[in-house]
C-alpha atoms as a PDB file:
ATOM      1  CA  UNK A   1     100.435  92.572  88.639  1.00  0.00           C
ATOM      2  CA  UNK A   2      97.862  89.903  87.841  1.00  0.00           C
ATOM      3  CA  UNK A   3      95.358  92.243  86.188  1.00  0.00           C
ATOM      4  CA  UNK A   4      97.795  94.582  84.403  1.00  0.00           C
ATOM      5  CA  UNK A   5      96.618  97.836  82.896  1.00  0.00           C
ATOM      6  CA  UNK A   6      93.225  96.367  82.048  1.00  0.00           C
ATOM      7  CA  UNK A   7      92.179  97.477  85.532  1.00  0.00           C
ATOM      8  CA  UNK A   8      91.899 101.003  84.186  1.00  0.00           C
ATOM      9  CA  UNK A   9      89.718 100.300  81.193  1.00  0.00           C
ATOM     10  CA  UNK A  10      86.445 102.083  81.693  1.00  0.00           C
ATOM     11  CA  UNK A  11      87.828 104.654  84.105  1.00  0.00           C
ATOM     12  CA  UNK A  12      88.655 102.557  87.166  1.00  0.00           C
ATOM     13  CA  UNK A  13      86.822 103.739  90.278  1.00  0.00           C
ATOM     14  CA  UNK A  14      85.624 106.912  88.602  1.00  0.00           C
ATOM     15  CA  UNK A  15      83.597 109.487  90.430  1.00  0.00           C
ATOM     16  CA  UNK A  16      80.238 110.413  88.971  1.00  0.00           C
ATOM     17  CA  UNK A  17      81.009 112.510  85.925  1.00  0.00           C
ATOM     18  CA  UNK A  18      84.726 111.947  86.379  1.00  0.00           C
ATOM     19  CA  UNK A  19      85.571 110.748  82.900  1.00  0.00           C
ATOM     20  CA  UNK A  20      84.631 107.101  83.369  1.00  0.00           C
ATOM     21  CA  UNK A  21      83.692 104.624  86.049  1.00  0.00           C
ATOM     22  CA  UNK A  22      79.955 104.676  86.684  1.00  0.00           C
ATOM     23  CA  UNK A  23      77.976 104.508  83.483  1.00  0.00           C
ATOM     24  CA  UNK A  24      74.578 103.543  82.167  1.00  0.00           C
ATOM     25  CA  UNK A  25      71.122 105.085  82.349  1.00  0.00           C
ATOM     26  CA  UNK A  26      70.592 107.846  84.886  1.00  0.00           C
ATOM     27  CA  UNK A  27      67.217 107.367  86.634  1.00  0.00           C
ATOM     28  CA  UNK A  28      66.922 111.144  87.032  1.00  0.00           C
ATOM     29  CA  UNK A  29      67.057 111.801  83.278  1.00  0.00           C
ATOM     30  CA  UNK A  30      63.266 111.904  83.179  1.00  0.00           C
ATOM     31  CA  UNK A  31      63.315 114.876  85.571  1.00  0.00           C
ATOM     32  CA  UNK A  32      65.918 116.636  83.464  1.00  0.00           C
ATOM     33  CA  UNK A  33      63.758 116.140  80.397  1.00  0.00           C
ATOM     34  CA  UNK A  34      60.814 117.678  82.206  1.00  0.00           C
ATOM     35  CA  UNK A  35      62.596 120.502  84.004  1.00  0.00           C
ATOM     36  CA  UNK A  36      65.548 121.295  81.772  1.00  0.00           C
ATOM     37  CA  UNK A  37      69.214 120.378  81.727  1.00  0.00           C
ATOM     38  CA  UNK A  38      68.808 117.499  79.317  1.00  0.00           C
ATOM     39  CA  UNK A  39      71.948 117.915  77.259  1.00  0.00           C
ATOM     40  CA  UNK A  40      75.403 119.343  76.931  1.00  0.00           C
ATOM     41  CA  UNK A  41      76.397 119.096  80.559  1.00  0.00           C
ATOM     42  CA  UNK A  42      73.019 119.692  82.176  1.00  0.00           C
ATOM     43  CA  UNK A  43      71.970 122.451  84.492  1.00  0.00           C
ATOM     44  CA  UNK A  44      68.500 123.895  84.882  1.00  0.00           C
ATOM     45  CA  UNK A  45      66.075 123.618  87.739  1.00  0.00           C
ATOM     46  CA  UNK A  46      66.988 119.984  88.471  1.00  0.00           C
ATOM     47  CA  UNK A  47      70.614 120.896  89.127  1.00  0.00           C
ATOM     48  CA  UNK A  48      69.554 123.990  91.086  1.00  0.00           C
ATOM     49  CA  UNK A  49      67.709 121.735  93.522  1.00  0.00           C
ATOM     50  CA  UNK A  50      69.961 118.658  93.496  1.00  0.00           C
ATOM     51  CA  UNK A  51      73.428 119.975  92.658  1.00  0.00           C
ATOM     52  CA  UNK A  52      75.453 120.578  89.514  1.00  0.00           C
ATOM     53  CA  UNK A  53      75.495 117.986  86.760  1.00  0.00           C
ATOM     54  CA  UNK A  54      78.414 115.601  86.453  1.00  0.00           C
ATOM     55  CA  UNK A  55      80.546 117.049  89.263  1.00  0.00           C
ATOM     56  CA  UNK A  56      81.297 120.208  87.285  1.00  0.00           C
ATOM     57  CA  UNK A  57      81.273 123.526  89.144  1.00  0.00           C
ATOM     58  CA  UNK A  58      79.846 126.729  87.786  1.00  0.00           C
ATOM     59  CA  UNK A  59      83.320 127.695  86.589  1.00  0.00           C
ATOM     60  CA  UNK A  60      83.725 124.482  84.596  1.00  0.00           C
ATOM     61  CA  UNK A  61      86.247 122.824  86.965  1.00  0.00           C
ATOM     62  CA  UNK A  62      85.702 119.103  87.436  1.00  0.00           C
ATOM     63  CA  UNK A  63      87.268 116.707  89.934  1.00  0.00           C
ATOM     64  CA  UNK A  64      89.450 114.016  88.356  1.00  0.00           C
ATOM     65  CA  UNK A  65      88.408 110.369  88.525  1.00  0.00           C
ATOM     66  CA  UNK A  66      89.774 107.997  91.156  1.00  0.00           C
ATOM     67  CA  UNK A  67      91.571 104.953  89.753  1.00  0.00           C
ATOM     68  CA  UNK A  68      91.907 101.359  90.956  1.00  0.00           C
ATOM     69  CA  UNK A  69      94.986  99.155  90.596  1.00  0.00           C
ATOM     70  CA  UNK A  70      94.886  95.469  91.597  1.00  0.00           C
ATOM     71  CA  UNK A  71      98.277  94.303  92.897  1.00  0.00           C
ATOM     72  CA  UNK A  72      99.217  90.702  93.694  1.00  0.00           C
ATOM     73  CA  UNK A  73     101.935  89.991  96.273  1.00  0.00           C
ATOM     74  CA  UNK A  74     103.329  86.865  97.932  1.00  0.00           C
ATOM     75  CA  UNK A  75     102.542  85.757 101.479  1.00  0.00           C
ATOM     76  CA  UNK A  76     106.175  86.435 102.404  1.00  0.00           C
ATOM     77  CA  UNK A  77     105.846  90.019 101.159  1.00  0.00           C
ATOM     78  CA  UNK A  78     102.617  90.423 103.118  1.00  0.00           C
ATOM     79  CA  UNK A  79     104.377  89.163 106.254  1.00  0.00           C
ATOM     80  CA  UNK A  80     107.486  91.324 105.992  1.00  0.00           C
ATOM     81  CA  UNK A  81     106.145  94.385 104.182  1.00  0.00           C
ATOM     82  CA  UNK A  82     107.560  95.514 100.870  1.00  0.00           C
ATOM     83  CA  UNK A  83     107.774  98.334  98.352  1.00  0.00           C
ATOM     84  CA  UNK A  84     106.448  97.996  94.818  1.00  0.00           C
ATOM     85  CA  UNK A  85     106.757 100.196  91.762  1.00  0.00           C
ATOM     86  CA  UNK A  86     103.646 100.135  89.603  1.00  0.00           C
ATOM     87  CA  UNK A  87     102.946 101.547  86.142  1.00  0.00           C
ATOM     88  CA  UNK A  88      99.512 102.538  84.935  1.00  0.00           C
ATOM     89  CA  UNK A  89      97.801 104.805  82.418  1.00  0.00           C
ATOM     90  CA  UNK A  90      95.936 107.912  83.482  1.00  0.00           C
ATOM     91  CA  UNK A  91      94.800 111.298  82.191  1.00  0.00           C
ATOM     92  CA  UNK A  92      97.237 114.073  83.140  1.00  0.00           C
ATOM     93  CA  UNK A  93      97.189 117.816  82.592  1.00  0.00           C
ATOM     94  CA  UNK A  94      98.301 118.760  79.084  1.00  0.00           C
ATOM     95  CA  UNK A  95     101.741 120.358  79.312  1.00  0.00           C
ATOM     96  CA  UNK A  96     101.311 122.355  76.129  1.00  0.00           C
ATOM     97  CA  UNK A  97      98.238 124.298  77.186  1.00  0.00           C
ATOM     98  CA  UNK A  98      98.544 123.877  80.958  1.00  0.00           C
ATOM     99  CA  UNK A  99      95.088 122.340  81.128  1.00  0.00           C
ATOM    100  CA  UNK A 100      93.257 125.293  79.582  1.00  0.00           C
ATOM    101  CA  UNK A 101      92.518 123.427  76.358  1.00  0.00           C
ATOM    102  CA  UNK A 102      93.536 126.482  74.308  1.00  0.00           C
ATOM    103  CA  UNK A 103      96.419 126.592  71.848  1.00  0.00           C
ATOM    104  CA  UNK A 104      99.279 128.719  73.259  1.00  0.00           C
ATOM    105  CA  UNK A 105      98.899 132.269  71.993  1.00  0.00           C
ATOM    106  CA  UNK A 106      95.169 131.943  71.521  1.00  0.00           C
ATOM    107  CA  UNK A 107      92.581 133.027  74.029  1.00  0.00           C
ATOM    108  CA  UNK A 108      89.144 132.304  75.331  1.00  0.00           C
ATOM    109  CA  UNK A 109      86.319 134.407  73.972  1.00  0.00           C
ATOM    110  CA  UNK A 110      82.821 135.143  75.164  1.00  0.00           C
ATOM    111  CA  UNK A 111      80.388 132.388  74.328  1.00  0.00           C
ATOM    112  CA  UNK A 112      78.088 133.595  71.533  1.00  0.00           C
ATOM    113  CA  UNK A 113      75.231 131.360  72.670  1.00  0.00           C
ATOM    114  CA  UNK A 114      74.817 132.668  76.221  1.00  0.00           C
ATOM    115  CA  UNK A 115      76.603 136.001  75.842  1.00  0.00           C
ATOM    116  CA  UNK A 116      79.012 135.129  78.657  1.00  0.00           C
ATOM    117  CA  UNK A 117      76.406 134.423  81.321  1.00  0.00           C
ATOM    118  CA  UNK A 118      76.933 130.671  81.215  1.00  0.00           C
ATOM    119  CA  UNK A 119      73.186 130.098  81.187  1.00  0.00           C
ATOM    120  CA  UNK A 120      70.455 129.951  78.606  1.00  0.00           C
ATOM    121  CA  UNK A 121      66.690 130.156  78.935  1.00  0.00           C
ATOM    122  CA  UNK A 122      64.339 127.536  77.559  1.00  0.00           C
ATOM    123  CA  UNK A 123      60.564 127.643  77.480  1.00  0.00           C
ATOM    124  CA  UNK A 124      58.189 124.848  78.441  1.00  0.00           C
ATOM    125  CA  UNK A 125      54.809 126.207  77.501  1.00  0.00           C
ATOM    126  CA  UNK A 126      54.126 129.179  79.752  1.00  0.00           C
ATOM    127  CA  UNK A 127      57.084 128.390  82.038  1.00  0.00           C
ATOM    128  CA  UNK A 128      60.682 129.455  81.408  1.00  0.00           C
ATOM    129  CA  UNK A 129      63.686 127.611  82.800  1.00  0.00           C
ATOM    130  CA  UNK A 130      67.326 128.563  82.997  1.00  0.00           C
ATOM    131  CA  UNK A 131      70.013 125.961  82.462  1.00  0.00           C
ATOM    132  CA  UNK A 132      73.746 125.719  81.822  1.00  0.00           C
ATOM    133  CA  UNK A 133      74.743 126.753  78.336  1.00  0.00           C
ATOM    134  CA  UNK A 134      75.319 123.602  76.236  1.00  0.00           C
ATOM    135  CA  UNK A 135      78.071 125.252  74.165  1.00  0.00           C
ATOM    136  CA  UNK A 136      80.343 126.561  76.937  1.00  0.00           C
ATOM    137  CA  UNK A 137      79.201 124.124  79.658  1.00  0.00           C
ATOM    138  CA  UNK A 138      78.274 127.019  81.917  1.00  0.00           C
ATOM    139  CA  UNK A 139      81.661 128.772  81.859  1.00  0.00           C
ATOM    140  CA  UNK A 140      80.548 131.709  79.708  1.00  0.00           C
ATOM    141  CA  UNK A 141      83.627 131.309  77.500  1.00  0.00           C
ATOM    142  CA  UNK A 142      84.708 129.112  74.624  1.00  0.00           C
ATOM    143  CA  UNK A 143      88.163 128.315  73.284  1.00  0.00           C
ATOM    144  CA  UNK A 144      89.084 130.370  70.248  1.00  0.00           C
ATOM    145  CA  UNK A 145      91.601 127.794  68.978  1.00  0.00           C
ATOM    146  CA  UNK A 146      91.744 124.338  70.658  1.00  0.00           C
ATOM    147  CA  UNK A 147      95.150 122.997  71.721  1.00  0.00           C
ATOM    148  CA  UNK A 148      96.622 120.754  69.035  1.00  0.00           C
ATOM    149  CA  UNK A 149      98.086 118.393  71.655  1.00  0.00           C
ATOM    150  CA  UNK A 150      94.955 117.620  73.685  1.00  0.00           C
ATOM    151  CA  UNK A 151      92.364 118.825  71.127  1.00  0.00           C
ATOM    152  CA  UNK A 152      90.826 121.182  73.630  1.00  0.00           C
ATOM    153  CA  UNK A 153      90.354 118.588  76.363  1.00  0.00           C
ATOM    154  CA  UNK A 154      93.090 120.011  78.607  1.00  0.00           C
ATOM    155  CA  UNK A 155      94.287 116.482  79.448  1.00  0.00           C
ATOM    156  CA  UNK A 156      96.241 113.727  77.700  1.00  0.00           C
ATOM    157  CA  UNK A 157      96.787 110.039  78.486  1.00  0.00           C
ATOM    158  CA  UNK A 158     100.163 109.144  79.975  1.00  0.00           C
ATOM    159  CA  UNK A 159     101.852 106.135  81.593  1.00  0.00           C
ATOM    160  CA  UNK A 160     102.689 107.025  85.184  1.00  0.00           C
ATOM    161  CA  UNK A 161     104.944 105.296  87.698  1.00  0.00           C
ATOM    162  CA  UNK A 162     104.466 105.362  91.455  1.00  0.00           C
ATOM    163  CA  UNK A 163     106.202 103.592  94.343  1.00  0.00           C
ATOM    164  CA  UNK A 164     103.904 102.023  96.903  1.00  0.00           C
ATOM    165  CA  UNK A 165     104.974 101.020 100.412  1.00  0.00           C
ATOM    166  CA  UNK A 166     103.028  97.963 101.542  1.00  0.00           C
ATOM    167  CA  UNK A 167     102.969  97.527 105.339  1.00  0.00           C
ATOM    168  CA  UNK A 168     103.454  94.145 107.001  1.00  0.00           C
ATOM    169  CA  UNK A 169     100.219  92.347 107.807  1.00  0.00           C
ATOM    170  CA  UNK A 170      98.133  93.317 104.774  1.00  0.00           C
ATOM    171  CA  UNK A 171      95.637  90.778 103.513  1.00  0.00           C
ATOM    172  CA  UNK A 172      93.583  90.241 100.385  1.00  0.00           C
ATOM    173  CA  UNK A 173      91.232  93.186 100.069  1.00  0.00           C
ATOM    174  CA  UNK A 174      93.473  95.680 101.887  1.00  0.00           C
ATOM    175  CA  UNK A 175      93.195  99.072 100.191  1.00  0.00           C
ATOM    176  CA  UNK A 176      96.032 101.589  99.968  1.00  0.00           C
ATOM    177  CA  UNK A 177      95.463 105.182  98.843  1.00  0.00           C
ATOM    178  CA  UNK A 178      97.902 107.365  96.928  1.00  0.00           C
ATOM    179  CA  UNK A 179      96.484 110.883  97.056  1.00  0.00           C
ATOM    180  CA  UNK A 180      96.459 112.886  93.828  1.00  0.00           C
ATOM    181  CA  UNK A 181      97.700 109.982  91.702  1.00  0.00           C
ATOM    182  CA  UNK A 182      94.386 109.428  89.946  1.00  0.00           C
ATOM    183  CA  UNK A 183      93.286 111.260  86.825  1.00  0.00           C
ATOM    184  CA  UNK A 184      93.890 114.992  86.524  1.00  0.00           C
ATOM    185  CA  UNK A 185      90.932 117.264  87.061  1.00  0.00           C
ATOM    186  CA  UNK A 186      89.297 119.090  84.156  1.00  0.00           C
ATOM    187  CA  UNK A 187      89.631 122.850  83.760  1.00  0.00           C
ATOM    188  CA  UNK A 188      91.691 123.212  86.940  1.00  0.00           C
ATOM    189  CA  UNK A 189      89.769 120.706  89.030  1.00  0.00           C
ATOM    190  CA  UNK A 190      91.480 118.667  91.754  1.00  0.00           C
ATOM    191  CA  UNK A 191      93.137 115.385  90.735  1.00  0.00           C
ATOM    192  CA  UNK A 192      91.597 112.100  91.820  1.00  0.00           C
ATOM    193  CA  UNK A 193      93.293 109.446  93.949  1.00  0.00           C
ATOM    194  CA  UNK A 194      94.827 106.068  93.134  1.00  0.00           C
ATOM    195  CA  UNK A 195      93.583 103.094  95.152  1.00  0.00           C
ATOM    196  CA  UNK A 196      95.764  99.972  95.241  1.00  0.00           C
ATOM    197  CA  UNK A 197      93.820  96.806  96.097  1.00  0.00           C
ATOM    198  CA  UNK A 198      96.010  94.038  97.548  1.00  0.00           C
ATOM    199  CA  UNK A 199      95.662  90.376  96.556  1.00  0.00           C
ATOM    200  CA  UNK A 200      97.824  87.924  98.546  1.00  0.00           C
ATOM    201  CA  UNK A 201      98.806  84.886  96.485  1.00  0.00           C
ATOM    202  CA  UNK A 202      98.094  81.427  97.920  1.00  0.00           C
ATOM    203  CA  UNK A 203     101.141  79.771  99.491  1.00  0.00           C
ATOM    204  CA  UNK A 204     102.321  76.249  98.710  1.00  0.00           C
ATOM    205  CA  UNK A 205     102.902  75.386 102.379  1.00  0.00           C
ATOM    206  CA  UNK A 206     100.949  77.768 104.620  1.00  0.00           C
ATOM    207  CA  UNK A 207      97.265  78.602 104.819  1.00  0.00           C
ATOM    208  CA  UNK A 208      96.254  81.915 106.311  1.00  0.00           C
ATOM    209  CA  UNK A 209      93.328  82.333 108.691  1.00  0.00           C
ATOM    210  CA  UNK A 210      93.146  86.016 109.638  1.00  0.00           C
ATOM    211  CA  UNK A 211      96.488  86.571 111.413  1.00  0.00           C
ATOM    212  CA  UNK A 212      97.149  82.878 112.109  1.00  0.00           C
ATOM    213  CA  UNK A 213      99.017  80.517 109.801  1.00  0.00           C
ATOM    214  CA  UNK A 214      98.279  76.820 109.396  1.00  0.00           C
ATOM    215  CA  UNK A 215     100.444  74.036 108.014  1.00  0.00           C
ATOM    216  CA  UNK A 216     100.497  70.243 108.083  1.00  0.00           C
ATOM    217  CA  UNK A 217     103.756  68.404 108.787  1.00  0.00           C
ATOM    218  CA  UNK A 218     104.481  64.667 108.421  1.00  0.00           C
ATOM    219  CA  UNK A 219     106.301  62.911 111.293  1.00  0.00           C
ATOM    220  CA  UNK A 220     107.612  59.371 111.664  1.00  0.00           C
ATOM    221  CA  UNK A 221     105.501  56.967 113.686  1.00  0.00           C
ATOM    222  CA  UNK A 222     108.471  56.270 115.971  1.00  0.00           C
ATOM    223  CA  UNK A 223     108.654  59.976 116.842  1.00  0.00           C
ATOM    224  CA  UNK A 224     104.915  60.024 117.497  1.00  0.00           C
ATOM    225  CA  UNK A 225     105.263  57.030 119.823  1.00  0.00           C
ATOM    226  CA  UNK A 226     108.457  58.011 121.634  1.00  0.00           C
ATOM    227  CA  UNK A 227     108.199  61.800 121.508  1.00  0.00           C
ATOM    228  CA  UNK A 228     110.906  64.317 120.700  1.00  0.00           C
ATOM    229  CA  UNK A 229     111.458  67.698 119.071  1.00  0.00           C
ATOM    230  CA  UNK A 230     111.343  68.689 115.408  1.00  0.00           C
ATOM    231  CA  UNK A 231     112.165  71.795 113.392  1.00  0.00           C
ATOM    232  CA  UNK A 232     109.209  73.404 111.644  1.00  0.00           C
ATOM    233  CA  UNK A 233     109.287  76.060 108.906  1.00  0.00           C
ATOM    234  CA  UNK A 234     107.837  79.509 109.549  1.00  0.00           C
ATOM    235  CA  UNK A 235     107.739  82.680 107.464  1.00  0.00           C
ATOM    236  CA  UNK A 236     110.394  84.153 109.740  1.00  0.00           C
ATOM    237  CA  UNK A 237     112.851  81.266 109.897  1.00  0.00           C
ATOM    238  CA  UNK A 238     113.027  77.945 111.705  1.00  0.00           C
ATOM    239  CA  UNK A 239     110.870  77.114 114.701  1.00  0.00           C
ATOM    240  CA  UNK A 240     111.045  74.246 117.199  1.00  0.00           C
ATOM    241  CA  UNK A 241     108.094  72.039 118.126  1.00  0.00           C
ATOM    242  CA  UNK A 242     108.035  69.514 120.978  1.00  0.00           C
ATOM    243  CA  UNK A 243     106.166  66.314 120.164  1.00  0.00           C
ATOM    244  CA  UNK A 244     104.888  64.483 123.270  1.00  0.00           C
ATOM    245  CA  UNK A 245     105.098  60.695 123.324  1.00  0.00           C
ATOM    246  CA  UNK A 246     101.914  59.026 122.152  1.00  0.00           C
ATOM    247  CA  UNK A 247     100.959  61.843 119.758  1.00  0.00           C
ATOM    248  CA  UNK A 248      98.138  60.811 117.431  1.00  0.00           C
ATOM    249  CA  UNK A 249      97.880  61.677 113.757  1.00  0.00           C
ATOM    250  CA  UNK A 250      95.838  64.848 113.266  1.00  0.00           C
ATOM    251  CA  UNK A 251      96.931  66.462 116.543  1.00  0.00           C
ATOM    252  CA  UNK A 252      97.290  70.246 116.183  1.00  0.00           C
ATOM    253  CA  UNK A 253      99.935  72.229 118.060  1.00  0.00           C
ATOM    254  CA  UNK A 254     100.138  76.005 118.479  1.00  0.00           C
ATOM    255  CA  UNK A 255     103.331  78.034 118.155  1.00  0.00           C
ATOM    256  CA  UNK A 256     102.475  81.410 119.632  1.00  0.00           C
ATOM    257  CA  UNK A 257     103.785  84.514 117.900  1.00  0.00           C
ATOM    258  CA  UNK A 258     104.865  82.704 114.717  1.00  0.00           C
ATOM    259  CA  UNK A 259     101.944  83.845 112.551  1.00  0.00           C
ATOM    260  CA  UNK A 260     101.313  87.005 110.515  1.00  0.00           C
ATOM    261  CA  UNK A 261     102.043  90.474 111.906  1.00  0.00           C
ATOM    262  CA  UNK A 262      98.902  92.265 112.969  1.00  0.00           C
ATOM    263  CA  UNK A 263      98.244  95.239 110.725  1.00  0.00           C
ATOM    264  CA  UNK A 264      97.233  97.330 113.724  1.00  0.00           C
ATOM    265  CA  UNK A 265      99.534  96.358 116.569  1.00  0.00           C
ATOM    266  CA  UNK A 266     103.049  95.185 117.337  1.00  0.00           C
ATOM    267  CA  UNK A 267     102.350  91.503 117.930  1.00  0.00           C
ATOM    268  CA  UNK A 268     101.789  88.534 115.637  1.00  0.00           C
ATOM    269  CA  UNK A 269      99.271  85.763 115.224  1.00  0.00           C
ATOM    270  CA  UNK A 270     100.060  82.102 115.897  1.00  0.00           C
ATOM    271  CA  UNK A 271     101.260  79.169 113.827  1.00  0.00           C
ATOM    272  CA  UNK A 272      99.004  76.107 113.957  1.00  0.00           C
ATOM    273  CA  UNK A 273     100.816  72.876 113.108  1.00  0.00           C
ATOM    274  CA  UNK A 274      98.881  69.688 112.453  1.00  0.00           C
ATOM    275  CA  UNK A 275     101.010  66.532 112.457  1.00  0.00           C
ATOM    276  CA  UNK A 276     100.375  63.604 110.165  1.00  0.00           C
ATOM    277  CA  UNK A 277     101.881  60.326 111.372  1.00  0.00           C
ATOM    278  CA  UNK A 278     103.423  58.442 108.470  1.00  0.00           C
ATOM    279  CA  UNK A 279     103.374  54.651 108.512  1.00  0.00           C
ATOM    280  CA  UNK A 280     106.272  52.969 106.659  1.00  0.00           C
ATOM    281  CA  UNK A 281     105.220  51.223 103.466  1.00  0.00           C
ATOM    282  CA  UNK A 282     108.335  49.065 103.054  1.00  0.00           C
ATOM    283  CA  UNK A 283     109.945  47.021 105.841  1.00  0.00           C
ATOM    284  CA  UNK A 284     112.983  44.764 105.691  1.00  0.00           C
ATOM    285  CA  UNK A 285     113.055  41.478 107.535  1.00  0.00           C
ATOM    286  CA  UNK A 286     114.722  42.822 110.671  1.00  0.00           C
ATOM    287  CA  UNK A 287     112.306  45.775 110.920  1.00  0.00           C
ATOM    288  CA  UNK A 288     109.281  43.530 110.482  1.00  0.00           C
ATOM    289  CA  UNK A 289     110.526  41.118 113.133  1.00  0.00           C
ATOM    290  CA  UNK A 290     111.011  43.919 115.647  1.00  0.00           C
ATOM    291  CA  UNK A 291     107.564  45.348 114.932  1.00  0.00           C
ATOM    292  CA  UNK A 292     105.973  41.944 115.350  1.00  0.00           C
ATOM    293  CA  UNK A 293     107.835  41.565 118.631  1.00  0.00           C
ATOM    294  CA  UNK A 294     106.543  44.983 119.695  1.00  0.00           C
ATOM    295  CA  UNK A 295     102.986  44.089 118.685  1.00  0.00           C
ATOM    296  CA  UNK A 296     103.161  40.913 120.744  1.00  0.00           C
ATOM    297  CA  UNK A 297     104.671  42.698 123.727  1.00  0.00           C
ATOM    298  CA  UNK A 298     102.091  45.487 123.939  1.00  0.00           C
ATOM    299  CA  UNK A 299      98.564  44.738 125.023  1.00  0.00           C
ATOM    300  CA  UNK A 300      95.283  46.527 124.608  1.00  0.00           C
ATOM    301  CA  UNK A 301      96.002  49.064 127.418  1.00  0.00           C
ATOM    302  CA  UNK A 302      98.778  50.482 125.254  1.00  0.00           C
ATOM    303  CA  UNK A 303      96.239  51.373 122.565  1.00  0.00           C
ATOM    304  CA  UNK A 304      93.433  53.338 124.273  1.00  0.00           C
ATOM    305  CA  UNK A 305      91.844  54.559 121.025  1.00  0.00           C
ATOM    306  CA  UNK A 306      91.695  51.065 119.555  1.00  0.00           C
ATOM    307  CA  UNK A 307      90.364  49.632 122.820  1.00  0.00           C
ATOM    308  CA  UNK A 308      87.569  52.206 122.938  1.00  0.00           C
ATOM    309  CA  UNK A 309      86.650  51.551 119.315  1.00  0.00           C
ATOM    310  CA  UNK A 310      86.514  47.778 119.812  1.00  0.00           C
ATOM    311  CA  UNK A 311      84.215  48.158 122.809  1.00  0.00           C
ATOM    312  CA  UNK A 312      81.831  50.315 120.785  1.00  0.00           C
ATOM    313  CA  UNK A 313      81.937  47.994 117.770  1.00  0.00           C
ATOM    314  CA  UNK A 314      81.367  44.685 119.621  1.00  0.00           C
ATOM    315  CA  UNK A 315      77.615  44.789 119.077  1.00  0.00           C
ATOM    316  CA  UNK A 316      78.144  44.842 115.305  1.00  0.00           C
ATOM    317  CA  UNK A 317      80.246  41.662 115.403  1.00  0.00           C
ATOM    318  CA  UNK A 318      77.528  39.470 116.969  1.00  0.00           C
END
């Protein structure tokens, strides 16, 4: 993995109030200051109108954060599909206390601040507002003795391993979801999900354009002049390409069905092959003599591109 475990620093793709992810100043804080719910988990009239603060229900349960994992694969793996095992850190339910946050043998007691109601009343001049109790976070109970393993949080950090099946045809930006493999919920809340973001590494030979592949292949100038067939590499083995006589450098040919598998469908894209005609840089005496003989034997009609260029350029030679 190119990004490693650093992808999880800061909570990954955390939900609002999910133990990380989105952070910074909340533009609605000014309303909470005015109408209550300004601290300790919020509540008050603002939450009564616009929903509970931080994703926490009245019973204290909170949905776990979603996590993001960036995974780099090769173009061959993207073409054939593969299975990867990834390791990442996440918050899981504390095994010692079962997520309750209480030391085994201890119990939860009625919150002395709210008397078990989960709400407290605050006065703003002549107006009274009710909001979630800042001590028990609206649950009405507090832990008598916090768990020594998780320190009352109900969750601990752990390195998890998950196998991911990557289908053929994925591309950079494809997103795979592993349900329930995100961070554990708080106080019995549902676990978040793990999202794997695919990054396909650049290939040394092929370029990808959607589901088509492109490559450039050198051919000898004799093959370009006389024509013939050549073997071309593909991601799925060897392919055959027919070169017509008189092929010019830069000509692009299409091999249908030799590209990438389509993610939604049973067919494949195409392979686009651009040929580059190589001119020999070293000639022996016999080769030079034969080429000079060829040059003398062929006239302008044998070189239509050159003939057209000369006609257009004549006015510049006057």
